[in-house]
């Protein structure tokens, strides 16, 4: 049996390491695309159009909002669900007054406030959300939702129960009255209640 011990001096060992490291680096440069060494977060984001970022983010927001609402509805039932959404909707809607002002939205008449509310909802729900403002004057404005990202997603997921008409009533009411306490808001049509569109009427108190 060969019992001879083999040893490597320090200089030879370091030389072996250096050669090995160089070979690894060369191999890595051949395996990894050169662009990988120059990519940045900002550079990659610039490749994603802003409209695409908005659509993806809003789509995720809608999806998770539906999931949360459905879980709450199944847990507490429709009556309690509506009570909860009334309280939170009025509060959150009113808070959006500050957001509208920060964005530079102006006006407190029915037509102006209708335009503000729809812009904010589109900001949250994304480019697929579509509204029409009809018969708009300073005293009265009717808003129709002609394409609802929330409703379409809920239907595609086969979500049952009314998870949105209470929020649609009270978020709008909270925002409208915060912008001008002399304005009133009524949800006169709602898809979950069997209508073909959702429709809100904003009107100046007489």
Protein backbone atom coordinates (compact mmCIF):
# COMPACT_ATOMS: atom_id res chain seq x y z
CA UNK A 1 0.00 0.00 0.00
CA UNK A 2 1.31 3.44 -0.94
CA UNK A 3 1.53 5.59 2.17
CA UNK A 4 3.38 8.50 0.58
CA UNK A 5 1.90 11.89 1.54
CA UNK A 6 1.38 14.44 -1.22
CA UNK A 7 1.59 18.14 -0.29
CA UNK A 8 1.32 21.42 -2.16
CA UNK A 9 3.34 24.45 -1.20
CA UNK A 10 1.51 27.74 -0.43
CA UNK A 11 2.54 29.45 -3.68
CA UNK A 12 1.33 26.58 -5.77
CA UNK A 13 -1.95 26.42 -3.87
CA UNK A 14 -2.64 30.14 -4.38
CA UNK A 15 -1.77 29.84 -8.06
CA UNK A 16 -4.27 27.01 -8.42
CA UNK A 17 -6.97 29.12 -6.75
CA UNK A 18 -6.26 32.07 -9.03
CA UNK A 19 -6.47 29.95 -12.15
CA UNK A 20 -9.68 28.37 -10.92
CA UNK A 21 -11.26 31.74 -10.13
CA UNK A 22 -10.31 33.07 -13.52
CA UNK A 23 -11.84 30.08 -15.20
CA UNK A 24 -15.04 30.50 -13.20
CA UNK A 25 -15.28 34.18 -14.12
CA UNK A 26 -14.72 33.36 -17.77
CA UNK A 27 -17.31 30.62 -17.61
CA UNK A 28 -19.81 32.93 -15.91
CA UNK A 29 -19.36 35.58 -18.58
CA UNK A 30 -20.12 32.99 -21.22
CA UNK A 31 -23.18 31.65 -19.37
CA UNK A 32 -24.64 34.95 -18.15
CA UNK A 33 -25.76 37.56 -20.70
CA UNK A 34 -23.59 40.66 -20.63
CA UNK A 35 -26.70 42.82 -20.07
CA UNK A 36 -27.09 41.29 -16.63
CA UNK A 37 -24.11 43.33 -15.43
CA UNK A 38 -25.57 46.65 -16.53
CA UNK A 39 -29.25 46.32 -15.58
CA UNK A 40 -30.80 48.65 -12.99
CA UNK A 41 -34.21 48.90 -11.32
CA UNK A 42 -34.85 52.23 -13.00
CA UNK A 43 -33.76 50.93 -16.39
CA UNK A 44 -36.07 47.94 -16.19
CA UNK A 45 -39.02 50.05 -15.02
CA UNK A 46 -38.54 52.38 -17.97
CA UNK A 47 -39.19 49.40 -20.24
CA UNK A 48 -42.67 48.94 -18.73
CA UNK A 49 -45.11 51.56 -20.09
CA UNK A 50 -46.87 53.52 -17.37
CA UNK A 51 -50.26 52.42 -18.69
CA UNK A 52 -49.20 48.79 -18.29
CA UNK A 53 -48.00 49.37 -14.72
CA UNK A 54 -51.32 51.07 -13.91
CA UNK A 55 -53.39 48.27 -15.47
CA UNK A 56 -51.52 45.54 -13.57
CA UNK A 57 -51.61 47.34 -10.23
CA UNK A 58 -55.28 48.30 -10.47
CA UNK A 59 -56.20 44.81 -11.64
CA UNK A 60 -54.54 43.33 -8.54
CA UNK A 61 -56.30 45.89 -6.34
CA UNK A 62 -59.70 44.96 -7.78
CA UNK A 63 -59.01 41.23 -7.45
CA UNK A 64 -58.06 41.46 -3.78
CA UNK A 65 -60.87 43.89 -2.96
CA UNK A 66 -63.38 41.41 -4.36
CA UNK A 67 -61.78 38.57 -2.38
CA UNK A 68 -61.90 40.58 0.83
CA UNK A 69 -65.50 41.67 0.30
CA UNK A 70 -66.67 38.17 -0.54
CA UNK A 71 -65.01 36.73 2.57
CA UNK A 72 -66.66 39.38 4.74
CA UNK A 73 -70.08 38.90 3.12
CA UNK A 74 -69.96 35.14 3.64
CA UNK A 75 -68.94 35.64 7.27
CA UNK A 76 -71.45 38.28 8.42
CA UNK A 77 -74.33 38.17 5.91
CA UNK A 78 -75.74 40.89 3.65
CA UNK A 79 -77.36 43.12 6.28
CA UNK A 80 -74.29 43.37 8.50
CA UNK A 81 -72.05 43.64 5.45
CA UNK A 82 -74.02 46.69 4.26
CA UNK A 83 -73.73 48.29 7.70
CA UNK A 84 -69.96 47.83 7.73
CA UNK A 85 -69.61 49.20 4.22
CA UNK A 86 -71.76 52.19 5.07
CA UNK A 87 -69.50 53.19 7.93
CA UNK A 88 -66.24 52.59 6.10
CA UNK A 89 -67.52 53.92 2.76
CA UNK A 90 -68.59 57.27 4.20
CA UNK A 91 -65.24 57.63 5.99
CA UNK A 92 -63.02 56.63 3.07
CA UNK A 93 -65.06 58.66 0.60
CA UNK A 94 -64.71 61.79 2.72
CA UNK A 95 -60.96 61.27 3.03
CA UNK A 96 -60.66 61.42 -0.74
CA UNK A 97 -61.51 65.12 -0.56
CA UNK A 98 -57.91 65.72 0.52
CA UNK A 99 -56.62 63.56 -2.30
CA UNK A 100 -58.71 65.45 -4.86
CA UNK A 101 -57.38 68.74 -3.54
CA UNK A 102 -53.80 67.47 -3.61
CA UNK A 103 -54.28 66.54 -7.26
CA UNK A 104 -55.47 70.07 -7.98
CA UNK A 105 -59.12 69.21 -8.68
CA UNK A 106 -61.30 72.30 -8.40
CA UNK A 107 -65.01 73.12 -8.13
CA UNK A 108 -67.80 72.13 -5.75
CA UNK A 109 -70.87 72.09 -8.01
CA UNK A 110 -72.61 68.90 -9.13
CA UNK A 111 -70.90 68.68 -12.51
CA UNK A 112 -67.41 69.32 -11.13
CA UNK A 113 -67.78 66.86 -8.26
CA UNK A 114 -69.10 64.18 -10.64
CA UNK A 115 -65.98 64.60 -12.76
CA UNK A 116 -63.76 64.36 -9.67
CA UNK A 117 -65.43 61.22 -8.31
CA UNK A 118 -65.20 59.38 -11.61
CA UNK A 119 -61.54 60.34 -12.06
CA UNK A 120 -60.71 58.98 -8.60
CA UNK A 121 -62.55 55.70 -9.17
CA UNK A 122 -60.78 55.24 -12.51
CA UNK A 123 -57.46 55.92 -10.77
CA UNK A 124 -58.19 53.06 -8.34
CA UNK A 125 -59.87 50.61 -10.74
CA UNK A 126 -57.76 51.22 -13.80
CA UNK A 127 -58.15 52.02 -17.51
CA UNK A 128 -60.93 49.47 -18.06
CA UNK A 129 -63.24 51.47 -15.79
CA UNK A 130 -65.53 53.67 -17.92
CA UNK A 131 -68.10 56.32 -16.99
CA UNK A 132 -70.46 58.66 -18.76
CA UNK A 133 -71.58 61.92 -17.16
CA UNK A 134 -74.97 62.93 -18.59
CA UNK A 135 -77.37 65.82 -18.08
CA UNK A 136 -74.65 67.64 -16.16
CA UNK A 137 -75.20 71.12 -14.76
CA UNK A 138 -74.02 72.96 -11.68
CA UNK A 139 -77.22 71.83 -9.92
CA UNK A 140 -77.45 68.21 -11.05
CA UNK A 141 -75.38 65.51 -12.72
CA UNK A 142 -76.05 61.88 -13.53
CA UNK A 143 -73.14 59.46 -13.72
CA UNK A 144 -73.41 56.07 -15.43
CA UNK A 145 -70.82 53.32 -15.11
CA UNK A 146 -70.80 51.77 -18.56
CA UNK A 147 -67.91 49.38 -17.95
CA UNK A 148 -67.05 48.27 -14.42
CA UNK A 149 -63.72 46.58 -13.74
CA UNK A 150 -64.98 45.35 -10.36
CA UNK A 151 -68.23 43.88 -11.67
CA UNK A 152 -66.59 42.24 -14.69
CA UNK A 153 -63.91 40.64 -12.52
CA UNK A 154 -66.48 39.43 -9.99
CA UNK A 155 -68.57 37.87 -12.75
CA UNK A 156 -65.54 36.20 -14.31
CA UNK A 157 -64.72 34.69 -10.93
CA UNK A 158 -68.38 33.64 -10.45
CA UNK A 159 -68.63 35.65 -7.22
CA UNK A 160 -72.18 35.55 -5.87
CA UNK A 161 -73.92 38.01 -3.55
CA UNK A 162 -73.97 41.80 -3.55
CA UNK A 163 -70.44 42.83 -2.65
CA UNK A 164 -70.44 46.31 -4.15
CA UNK A 165 -73.69 48.32 -4.20
CA UNK A 166 -73.39 49.45 -0.54
CA UNK A 167 -69.83 50.62 -1.12
CA UNK A 168 -70.92 52.31 -4.36
CA UNK A 169 -73.58 54.22 -2.44
CA UNK A 170 -71.60 55.28 0.60
CA UNK A 171 -68.14 55.92 -0.85
CA UNK A 172 -69.73 58.27 -3.37
CA UNK A 173 -71.92 59.86 -0.74
CA UNK A 174 -68.98 60.41 1.59
CA UNK A 175 -66.92 62.04 -1.14
CA UNK A 176 -69.71 64.18 -2.60
CA UNK A 177 -70.86 65.61 0.72
CA UNK A 178 -67.28 66.23 1.81
CA UNK A 179 -66.71 68.28 -1.32
CA UNK A 180 -69.92 70.23 -0.74
CA UNK A 181 -72.35 69.57 2.13
CA UNK A 182 -75.11 71.12 0.03
CA UNK A 183 -74.88 68.27 -2.49
CA UNK A 184 -76.76 64.98 -2.19
CA UNK A 185 -75.95 61.61 -3.71
CA UNK A 186 -78.32 58.79 -4.69
CA UNK A 187 -77.46 55.43 -6.17
CA UNK A 188 -80.43 54.96 -8.48
CA UNK A 189 -79.28 51.88 -10.40
CA UNK A 190 -76.93 49.02 -9.51
CA UNK A 191 -75.87 45.92 -11.40
CA UNK A 192 -76.06 43.64 -8.33
CA UNK A 193 -79.70 44.69 -7.97
CA UNK A 194 -80.52 43.66 -11.54
CA UNK A 195 -79.87 46.87 -13.49
CA UNK A 196 -77.79 46.96 -16.66
CA UNK A 197 -75.60 49.78 -15.33
CA UNK A 198 -74.80 51.51 -12.07
CA UNK A 199 -75.96 55.12 -11.93
CA UNK A 200 -75.51 57.91 -9.40
CA UNK A 201 -77.34 61.24 -9.25
CA UNK A 202 -75.62 64.20 -7.64
CA UNK A 203 -77.94 67.07 -6.88
CA UNK A 204 -77.84 70.42 -5.10
CA UNK A 205 -80.21 70.62 -2.13
CA UNK A 206 -83.08 73.07 -2.60
